[in-house]
Protein backbone atom coordinates (compact mmCIF):
# COMPACT_ATOMS: atom_id res chain seq x y z
CA VAL A 1 14.88 -3.26 2.90
CA ASN A 2 16.55 -0.03 4.52
CA SER A 3 16.54 1.41 1.40
CA ILE A 4 12.98 0.82 0.35
CA MET A 5 11.93 2.21 3.89
CA SER A 6 14.11 5.15 3.34
CA SER A 7 12.68 5.72 0.11
CA ILE A 8 9.20 5.72 1.17
CA LYS A 9 9.90 8.36 3.71
CA GLU A 10 11.48 10.30 1.12
CA CYS A 11 8.44 9.96 -1.52
CA ASP A 12 5.67 12.58 -1.98
CA LEU A 13 3.62 10.03 -3.87
CA ALA A 14 3.47 6.41 -3.21
CA ILE A 15 1.80 4.08 -5.90
CA THR A 16 1.25 0.53 -4.93
CA PHE A 17 0.08 -2.63 -6.30
CA ILE A 18 -2.26 -4.87 -4.49
CA SER A 19 -2.95 -8.44 -5.36
CA THR A 20 -3.38 -12.00 -3.72
CA ALA A 21 0.52 -12.50 -3.72
CA THR A 22 0.75 -9.24 -1.43
CA LEU A 23 -1.21 -11.45 1.39
CA HIS A 24 1.68 -13.74 1.46
CA SER A 25 4.50 -11.51 1.29
CA GLY A 26 6.02 -10.05 4.52
CA PHE A 27 7.96 -7.65 2.94
CA ALA A 28 4.89 -6.21 1.09
CA SER A 29 3.07 -5.74 4.31
CA ALA A 30 5.72 -4.01 5.96
CA GLU A 31 6.06 -1.50 3.14
CA LEU A 32 2.18 -0.80 3.04
CA SER A 33 2.26 -0.22 6.68
CA GLN A 34 5.16 2.27 6.19
CA ILE A 35 3.59 3.95 3.55
CA LEU A 36 -0.13 4.22 5.23
CA SER A 37 2.26 5.66 8.10
CA GLN A 38 4.00 8.23 6.09
CA SER A 39 0.35 9.16 4.53
CA ILE A 40 -1.28 9.89 8.04
CA GLN A 41 1.76 11.66 9.66
CA LYS A 42 3.12 13.54 7.04
CA GLY A 43 -0.12 13.84 4.46
CA ASN A 44 2.06 12.12 1.54
CA LYS A 45 -0.18 11.11 -1.28
CA TRP A 46 -0.84 7.41 -1.82
CA CYS A 47 -2.62 5.72 -4.53
CA PHE A 48 -3.06 1.89 -4.79
CA VAL A 49 -4.28 -0.26 -7.76
CA ARG A 50 -6.07 -3.38 -7.08
CA LEU A 51 -4.80 -6.13 -9.46
CA ASP A 52 -7.29 -8.94 -8.83
CA ASP A 53 -9.89 -9.94 -6.58
CA VAL A 54 -8.10 -9.70 -3.39
CA ASP A 55 -10.08 -8.46 -0.35
CA VAL A 56 -8.13 -5.16 0.52
CA ASP A 57 -8.99 -5.21 3.89
CA GLN A 58 -7.34 -8.74 4.43
CA VAL A 59 -4.03 -6.95 3.05
CA LEU A 60 -4.23 -4.17 5.44
CA PRO A 61 -7.31 -3.64 7.80
CA GLY A 62 -9.04 -0.41 7.23
CA LEU A 63 -7.39 0.00 3.43
CA SER A 64 -10.88 -0.01 1.80
CA MET A 65 -11.51 3.23 3.27
CA TYR A 66 -8.89 4.69 0.81
CA TYR A 67 -9.70 5.55 -2.89
CA TYR A 68 -8.13 2.86 -5.34
CA ILE A 69 -8.07 1.85 -8.54
CA ASP A 70 -9.56 -1.26 -9.35
CA TYR A 71 -8.01 -2.97 -12.11
CA HIS A 72 -9.61 -6.23 -11.49
CA GLU A 73 -13.14 -4.67 -12.42
């Protein structure tokens, strides 16, 4: 976990994949929160891909405000 969080802090671009499985993963939730925080604080770029019919705002409130690739469609 420490290695992942440290890597998130160091990256310039985060690409994440969101699915219904993300809703049930505590680790994924923590990682997304860290990525969003880095995006806001440091202006890091972030792109995410929606893989299935998950409501992205259920995964992380406000996530639908960000541009994302909708692979499900």
